[in-house]
């Protein structure tokens, strides 16, 4: 790469070698065109107004790529399903979610690409819930021009591993809600737990056909769980009765249903008494009372993964310890905070 002087008409399609300053008396003084800018036909009139008839441009060697071209190729190589790339802006290519879902990142490949010289690829954490149009990553190269061999290496790494990042879309699953507690079942108090869980489920585009109620009776809880699964429920949320009081029999009811418990107790606060089990392919969740009181709990970390049809296992829950402490901020910003980043270090299945 070297600099040379060219006539303005011959500069179209070439790379500016330094900033060009524009001054408007009393209003503006700063770079109108920055170093590395790819000069286009539309720039000519503005450059003439700035008194430029000749400019310094960079000449790329045959084995070099302009930073914009390199960024475009890096973005395309990294993007998997549900990811789209924008055009370069200040030499950076940003990547966005095409639909709502869970951001999935192959961390080993991400590290391998960033281990290459002069390459930068930065992402949101793995397993971050994202909405349509949200930025999930950005990529660029450090110099104005980079050896094409470096980009070819990055493309090869991505191609051989199936890409770096993708969006796992939320699936429309049939869900059931069972509210336990004799005080609610008998009508002594109004149910405030069921509507909370119903709203969470509907936020993923799924529906709850009916909220059922059970007294503090393990056999009845078991019967309702099996009934919901027999009717096609793919996720069953059983609320309340998860503590250590004698009447808290929800864990026993889940066991009696024949569901196999992955883990009872999660290293997440709030949500320590959470239970995850499976009967056949249906996930059965024991949701502690904190799920009604707190806006964000362990349930908000686990549900997005279940609604992508991921089978969350014991080791996934254990991994939630790192980052599983909620700060209880006066204004909740989840998932734009440290809570919920727990377990982001796990590789793609």
Protein backbone atom coordinates (compact mmCIF):
# COMPACT_ATOMS: atom_id res chain seq x y z
CA UNK A 1 0.00 0.00 0.00
CA UNK A 2 1.40 3.39 -1.02
CA UNK A 3 0.14 6.98 -1.45
CA UNK A 4 0.13 8.89 -4.74
CA UNK A 5 -1.34 12.10 -6.14
CA UNK A 6 -4.13 11.83 -8.71
CA UNK A 7 -6.42 14.23 -10.52
CA UNK A 8 -9.87 14.43 -8.90
CA UNK A 9 -11.60 12.87 -11.91
CA UNK A 10 -9.25 9.88 -11.65
CA UNK A 11 -9.81 9.53 -7.90
CA UNK A 12 -13.24 7.90 -8.13
CA UNK A 13 -13.10 4.40 -6.68
CA UNK A 14 -9.83 5.10 -4.86
CA UNK A 15 -9.04 5.35 -1.17
CA UNK A 16 -8.34 8.71 0.48
CA UNK A 17 -4.99 8.62 2.25
CA UNK A 18 -5.71 11.32 4.89
CA UNK A 19 -8.50 13.42 6.39
CA UNK A 20 -9.72 16.37 4.33
CA UNK A 21 -10.83 19.31 6.48
CA UNK A 22 -13.78 21.52 5.69
CA UNK A 23 -14.27 24.98 7.22
CA UNK A 24 -17.53 26.92 7.26
CA UNK A 25 -16.96 30.27 8.93
CA UNK A 26 -18.64 30.42 12.32
CA UNK A 27 -20.34 27.03 11.86
CA UNK A 28 -18.05 24.11 11.26
CA UNK A 29 -14.44 23.00 11.18
CA UNK A 30 -13.65 19.32 10.88
CA UNK A 31 -13.12 16.39 8.51
CA UNK A 32 -15.52 16.35 5.58
CA UNK A 33 -13.88 13.17 4.33
CA UNK A 34 -11.88 10.83 6.53
CA UNK A 35 -8.78 8.82 5.84
CA UNK A 36 -9.77 5.53 4.24
CA UNK A 37 -12.88 6.98 2.55
CA UNK A 38 -13.66 5.35 -0.80
CA UNK A 39 -14.16 8.28 -3.17
CA UNK A 40 -17.32 8.09 -5.27
CA UNK A 41 -18.72 10.19 -8.12
CA UNK A 42 -21.04 12.07 -5.75
CA UNK A 43 -18.04 13.37 -3.76
CA UNK A 44 -16.51 15.27 -6.68
CA UNK A 45 -18.62 18.44 -6.44
CA UNK A 46 -18.05 18.76 -2.69
CA UNK A 47 -14.30 18.26 -3.11
CA UNK A 48 -14.20 20.94 -5.81
CA UNK A 49 -16.03 23.32 -3.45
CA UNK A 50 -13.27 22.61 -0.93
CA UNK A 51 -10.68 23.64 -3.51
CA UNK A 52 -9.43 20.14 -4.23
CA UNK A 53 -8.49 19.37 -7.80
CA UNK A 54 -5.94 16.76 -6.83
CA UNK A 55 -5.92 14.38 -3.86
CA UNK A 56 -3.63 11.86 -2.24
CA UNK A 57 -4.99 8.32 -2.62
CA UNK A 58 -3.81 4.91 -1.51
CA UNK A 59 -2.79 2.31 -4.02
CA UNK A 60 -3.52 -1.23 -2.86
CA UNK A 61 -1.28 -4.11 -3.77
CA UNK A 62 -2.85 -7.03 -5.61
CA UNK A 63 -2.92 -9.11 -2.41
CA UNK A 64 -4.58 -6.40 -0.28
CA UNK A 65 -8.21 -5.54 0.53
CA UNK A 66 -9.70 -2.21 1.52
CA UNK A 67 -11.03 -2.23 5.09
CA UNK A 68 -14.64 -1.90 3.89
CA UNK A 69 -14.34 -4.89 1.57
CA UNK A 70 -12.64 -6.89 4.31
CA UNK A 71 -15.40 -6.02 6.79
CA UNK A 72 -18.12 -7.06 4.36
CA UNK A 73 -16.48 -10.42 3.80
CA UNK A 74 -15.91 -10.98 7.52
CA UNK A 75 -19.55 -10.18 8.31
CA UNK A 76 -20.82 -12.51 5.60
CA UNK A 77 -18.57 -15.32 6.83
CA UNK A 78 -19.63 -14.95 10.47
CA UNK A 79 -23.38 -14.61 9.84
CA UNK A 80 -25.49 -17.72 10.15
CA UNK A 81 -29.25 -18.22 10.16
CA UNK A 82 -31.25 -15.17 11.17
CA UNK A 83 -28.34 -12.71 10.85
CA UNK A 84 -28.07 -9.90 8.29
CA UNK A 85 -25.17 -7.51 7.67
CA UNK A 86 -25.30 -3.78 7.00
CA UNK A 87 -23.06 -1.77 4.71
CA UNK A 88 -19.80 -0.47 6.21
CA UNK A 89 -19.99 2.68 8.30
CA UNK A 90 -16.69 4.20 9.36
CA UNK A 91 -15.13 0.90 8.27
CA UNK A 92 -17.33 -1.16 10.62
CA UNK A 93 -19.87 -3.73 9.48
CA UNK A 94 -22.69 -4.33 11.96
CA UNK A 95 -24.74 -7.53 12.12
CA UNK A 96 -28.43 -7.57 13.11
CA UNK A 97 -31.07 -10.13 14.12
CA UNK A 98 -33.63 -10.79 11.40
CA UNK A 99 -36.17 -12.05 13.93
CA UNK A 100 -36.67 -12.47 17.68
CA UNK A 101 -34.91 -15.37 19.33
CA UNK A 102 -31.84 -16.44 21.22
CA UNK A 103 -28.37 -15.45 20.01
CA UNK A 104 -26.20 -18.54 19.66
CA UNK A 105 -22.43 -18.17 19.30
CA UNK A 106 -19.76 -20.75 18.59
CA UNK A 107 -17.28 -19.36 21.08
CA UNK A 108 -14.30 -21.44 19.97
CA UNK A 109 -14.66 -20.19 16.40
CA UNK A 110 -15.17 -16.61 17.58
CA UNK A 111 -11.87 -16.81 19.46
CA UNK A 112 -10.11 -18.42 16.49
CA UNK A 113 -11.15 -15.59 14.16
CA UNK A 114 -10.13 -12.89 16.64
CA UNK A 115 -6.78 -14.63 17.07
CA UNK A 116 -5.98 -13.75 13.45
CA UNK A 117 -3.91 -10.57 13.00
CA UNK A 118 -5.71 -7.26 12.38
CA UNK A 119 -9.22 -8.78 12.66
CA UNK A 120 -11.93 -7.68 15.13
CA UNK A 121 -15.29 -9.43 15.62
CA UNK A 122 -17.26 -8.42 18.71
CA UNK A 123 -20.62 -9.88 19.77
CA UNK A 124 -23.29 -9.80 22.42
CA UNK A 125 -22.95 -12.69 24.90
CA UNK A 126 -24.01 -16.17 23.93
CA UNK A 127 -27.63 -17.03 24.80
CA UNK A 128 -28.74 -13.39 24.85
CA UNK A 129 -32.47 -12.96 24.03
CA UNK A 130 -32.73 -10.50 21.13
CA UNK A 131 -35.52 -8.82 19.22
CA UNK A 132 -35.90 -8.30 15.49
CA UNK A 133 -33.54 -5.60 14.21
CA UNK A 134 -31.27 -5.67 17.27
CA UNK A 135 -27.52 -5.36 16.70
CA UNK A 136 -25.80 -8.58 17.74
CA UNK A 137 -22.23 -8.14 16.47
CA UNK A 138 -19.79 -5.83 14.73
CA UNK A 139 -16.68 -6.54 12.69
CA UNK A 140 -13.81 -4.67 11.06
CA UNK A 141 -10.09 -4.82 10.38
CA UNK A 142 -7.60 -2.55 12.10
CA UNK A 143 -5.62 -1.01 9.18
CA UNK A 144 -6.95 0.77 6.10
CA UNK A 145 -5.94 -2.24 4.05
CA UNK A 146 -5.31 -5.84 5.04
CA UNK A 147 -3.71 -8.82 3.36
CA UNK A 148 -6.42 -10.84 1.64
CA UNK A 149 -4.89 -14.06 2.96
CA UNK A 150 -6.02 -13.06 6.48
CA UNK A 151 -9.63 -12.69 5.37
CA UNK A 152 -9.45 -15.95 3.43
CA UNK A 153 -8.27 -17.64 6.64
CA UNK A 154 -11.19 -16.17 8.58
CA UNK A 155 -13.64 -17.31 5.90
CA UNK A 156 -12.18 -20.81 5.98
CA UNK A 157 -12.48 -21.03 9.77
CA UNK A 158 -16.13 -19.96 9.60
CA UNK A 159 -16.97 -22.19 6.65
CA UNK A 160 -15.49 -25.32 8.20
CA UNK A 161 -17.37 -24.75 11.48
CA UNK A 162 -20.71 -23.71 10.03
CA UNK A 163 -20.41 -20.05 10.98
CA UNK A 164 -20.00 -18.17 14.23
CA UNK A 165 -23.40 -16.81 15.17
CA UNK A 166 -27.04 -17.47 14.47
CA UNK A 167 -30.45 -16.67 15.90
CA UNK A 168 -32.43 -19.61 17.27
CA UNK A 169 -36.04 -18.50 16.72
CA UNK A 170 -38.72 -18.92 19.36
CA UNK A 171 -41.13 -21.74 18.56
CA UNK A 172 -44.87 -21.73 19.16
CA UNK A 173 -45.21 -24.39 21.82
CA UNK A 174 -48.26 -25.62 23.67
CA UNK A 175 -47.88 -24.64 27.33
CA UNK A 176 -49.80 -25.43 30.51
CA UNK A 177 -49.91 -23.60 33.83
CA UNK A 178 -50.80 -25.34 37.10
CA UNK A 179 -51.14 -23.14 40.17
CA UNK A 180 -50.78 -25.01 43.45
CA UNK A 181 -51.82 -24.03 46.95
CA UNK A 182 -54.95 -24.86 48.95
CA UNK A 183 -55.52 -21.17 49.70
CA UNK A 184 -55.91 -20.44 45.96
CA UNK A 185 -57.67 -23.70 45.14
CA UNK A 186 -60.32 -23.05 47.80
CA UNK A 187 -60.83 -19.48 46.66
CA UNK A 188 -59.62 -17.91 49.92
CA UNK A 189 -57.23 -15.71 47.96
CA UNK A 190 -57.14 -14.56 44.36
CA UNK A 191 -54.66 -16.21 42.01
CA UNK A 192 -51.95 -13.73 41.06
CA UNK A 193 -49.37 -16.26 39.94
CA UNK A 194 -51.15 -17.76 36.93
CA UNK A 195 -51.56 -14.47 35.02
CA UNK A 196 -47.85 -13.70 35.49
CA UNK A 197 -46.82 -17.04 34.01
CA UNK A 198 -49.38 -16.76 31.22
CA UNK A 199 -47.97 -13.36 30.22
CA UNK A 200 -44.41 -14.71 30.14
CA UNK A 201 -45.44 -17.60 27.90
CA UNK A 202 -47.37 -15.33 25.53
CA UNK A 203 -44.32 -13.08 25.16
CA UNK A 204 -42.72 -15.91 23.17
CA UNK A 205 -45.66 -16.13 20.80
CA UNK A 206 -47.15 -19.21 22.47
CA UNK A 207 -50.47 -19.63 24.25
CA UNK A 208 -51.90 -21.12 27.44
CA UNK A 209 -55.22 -22.84 26.85
CA UNK A 210 -56.17 -22.99 30.51
CA UNK A 211 -54.82 -22.27 33.98
CA UNK A 212 -55.54 -25.19 36.30
CA UNK A 213 -55.51 -25.23 40.10
CA UNK A 214 -54.43 -27.88 42.58
CA UNK A 215 -54.56 -28.10 46.38
CA UNK A 216 -51.47 -28.98 48.38
CA UNK A 217 -51.80 -32.61 47.36
CA UNK A 218 -48.98 -34.35 45.50
CA UNK A 219 -51.25 -36.90 43.86
CA UNK A 220 -53.53 -34.20 42.44
CA UNK A 221 -50.58 -32.16 41.19
CA UNK A 222 -49.25 -35.30 39.51
CA UNK A 223 -52.61 -35.97 37.89
CA UNK A 224 -52.85 -32.46 36.45
CA UNK A 225 -49.28 -32.61 35.09
CA UNK A 226 -49.98 -35.89 33.30
CA UNK A 227 -53.30 -34.61 32.01
CA UNK A 228 -51.64 -31.53 30.53
CA UNK A 229 -48.94 -33.63 28.83
CA UNK A 230 -51.53 -36.10 27.51
CA UNK A 231 -53.32 -33.12 25.90
CA UNK A 232 -50.12 -32.15 24.10
CA UNK A 233 -48.43 -29.67 26.45
CA UNK A 234 -44.74 -29.28 25.61
CA UNK A 235 -43.98 -27.07 28.60
CA UNK A 236 -45.74 -27.38 31.97
CA UNK A 237 -45.21 -24.65 34.57
CA UNK A 238 -46.18 -25.68 38.10
CA UNK A 239 -46.20 -22.66 40.39
CA UNK A 240 -45.76 -22.46 44.14
CA UNK A 241 -45.17 -25.13 46.76
CA UNK A 242 -41.44 -25.25 46.08
CA UNK A 243 -40.20 -24.36 49.57
CA UNK A 244 -39.41 -26.59 52.59
CA UNK A 245 -42.71 -26.21 54.46
CA UNK A 246 -44.69 -29.42 55.11
CA UNK A 247 -47.43 -28.31 52.69
CA UNK A 248 -44.99 -27.56 49.87
CA UNK A 249 -45.43 -30.78 47.91
CA UNK A 250 -44.95 -29.60 44.33
CA UNK A 251 -41.54 -31.35 43.91
CA UNK A 252 -43.11 -34.60 45.12
CA UNK A 253 -46.03 -34.14 42.74
CA UNK A 254 -43.61 -33.68 39.84
CA UNK A 255 -41.77 -36.87 40.83
CA UNK A 256 -45.02 -38.83 41.12
CA UNK A 257 -45.97 -37.76 37.58
CA UNK A 258 -43.08 -39.84 36.30
CA UNK A 259 -41.06 -36.82 35.19
CA UNK A 260 -37.29 -37.26 35.50
CA UNK A 261 -35.74 -34.41 37.49
CA UNK A 262 -32.69 -32.79 35.92
CA UNK A 263 -32.04 -30.54 38.91
CA UNK A 264 -33.90 -29.26 41.95
CA UNK A 265 -32.30 -26.01 43.03
CA UNK A 266 -30.60 -23.48 40.75
CA UNK A 267 -27.61 -21.26 41.63
CA UNK A 268 -29.61 -18.19 40.68
CA UNK A 269 -30.98 -15.47 42.95
CA UNK A 270 -33.90 -14.98 42.77
CA UNK A 271 -34.94 -18.50 41.86
CA UNK A 272 -32.93 -20.86 44.05
CA UNK A 273 -35.83 -23.30 44.59
CA UNK A 274 -36.40 -23.78 40.84
CA UNK A 275 -36.89 -27.33 39.55
CA UNK A 276 -36.46 -28.65 36.01
CA UNK A 277 -37.70 -32.06 34.93
CA UNK A 278 -38.74 -33.85 31.75
CA UNK A 279 -41.45 -36.38 31.00
CA UNK A 280 -40.84 -37.75 27.56
CA UNK A 281 -40.13 -34.57 25.55
CA UNK A 282 -42.19 -32.23 27.75
CA UNK A 283 -40.37 -29.90 30.12
CA UNK A 284 -41.89 -29.65 33.60
CA UNK A 285 -40.85 -26.61 35.62
CA UNK A 286 -41.35 -26.11 39.33
CA UNK A 287 -41.54 -22.32 39.69
CA UNK A 288 -40.89 -20.90 43.18
CA UNK A 289 -42.94 -18.05 44.64
CA UNK A 290 -40.27 -15.49 43.71
CA UNK A 291 -41.55 -15.84 40.13
CA UNK A 292 -44.66 -13.93 41.16
CA UNK A 293 -42.93 -11.28 43.27
CA UNK A 294 -39.84 -10.40 41.20
CA UNK A 295 -40.01 -9.15 37.63
CA UNK A 296 -36.97 -11.21 36.60
CA UNK A 297 -35.92 -14.59 37.98
CA UNK A 298 -34.28 -17.84 36.89
CA UNK A 299 -37.43 -18.53 34.86
CA UNK A 300 -36.60 -15.64 32.52
CA UNK A 301 -33.19 -17.18 31.84
CA UNK A 302 -34.47 -20.70 31.20
CA UNK A 303 -37.69 -20.04 29.26
CA UNK A 304 -36.04 -18.45 26.16
CA UNK A 305 -33.91 -21.56 25.73
CA UNK A 306 -36.87 -23.89 26.13
CA UNK A 307 -38.90 -21.89 23.60
CA UNK A 308 -36.18 -22.44 21.01
CA UNK A 309 -36.73 -26.18 21.65
CA UNK A 310 -33.34 -26.50 23.30
CA UNK A 311 -33.23 -29.24 25.92
CA UNK A 312 -31.78 -27.54 28.99
CA UNK A 313 -29.81 -29.99 31.11
CA UNK A 314 -28.37 -30.16 34.61
CA UNK A 315 -25.01 -28.75 33.56
CA UNK A 316 -26.75 -25.75 31.95
CA UNK A 317 -28.38 -24.92 35.29
CA UNK A 318 -25.10 -25.38 37.16
CA UNK A 319 -23.45 -22.95 34.74
CA UNK A 320 -25.98 -20.25 35.68
CA UNK A 321 -24.03 -19.61 38.89
CA UNK A 322 -21.68 -17.30 37.00
CA UNK A 323 -23.78 -14.18 36.46
CA UNK A 324 -26.81 -15.63 38.22
CA UNK A 325 -27.07 -12.92 40.87
CA UNK A 326 -29.68 -10.25 40.15
CA UNK A 327 -28.74 -6.73 41.26
CA UNK A 328 -32.40 -5.88 41.96
CA UNK A 329 -32.07 -2.55 40.18
CA UNK A 330 -34.85 0.00 40.83
CA UNK A 331 -35.58 -0.09 37.08
CA UNK A 332 -35.12 -3.55 35.60
CA UNK A 333 -33.17 -3.59 32.33
CA UNK A 334 -32.99 -7.34 31.80
CA UNK A 335 -31.64 -8.75 29.50
CA UNK A 336 -29.44 -5.65 29.06
CA UNK A 337 -27.54 -6.36 32.27
CA UNK A 338 -25.27 -8.95 33.88
CA UNK A 339 -28.19 -11.12 35.05
CA UNK A 340 -28.97 -13.73 32.47
CA UNK A 341 -25.46 -13.84 31.04
CA UNK A 342 -24.89 -16.91 33.19
CA UNK A 343 -23.83 -19.96 31.26
CA UNK A 344 -22.96 -17.93 28.18
CA UNK A 345 -19.65 -19.76 27.93
CA UNK A 346 -21.16 -23.05 26.77
CA UNK A 347 -20.52 -24.10 23.20
CA UNK A 348 -23.21 -24.75 20.63
CA UNK A 349 -24.54 -28.28 20.64
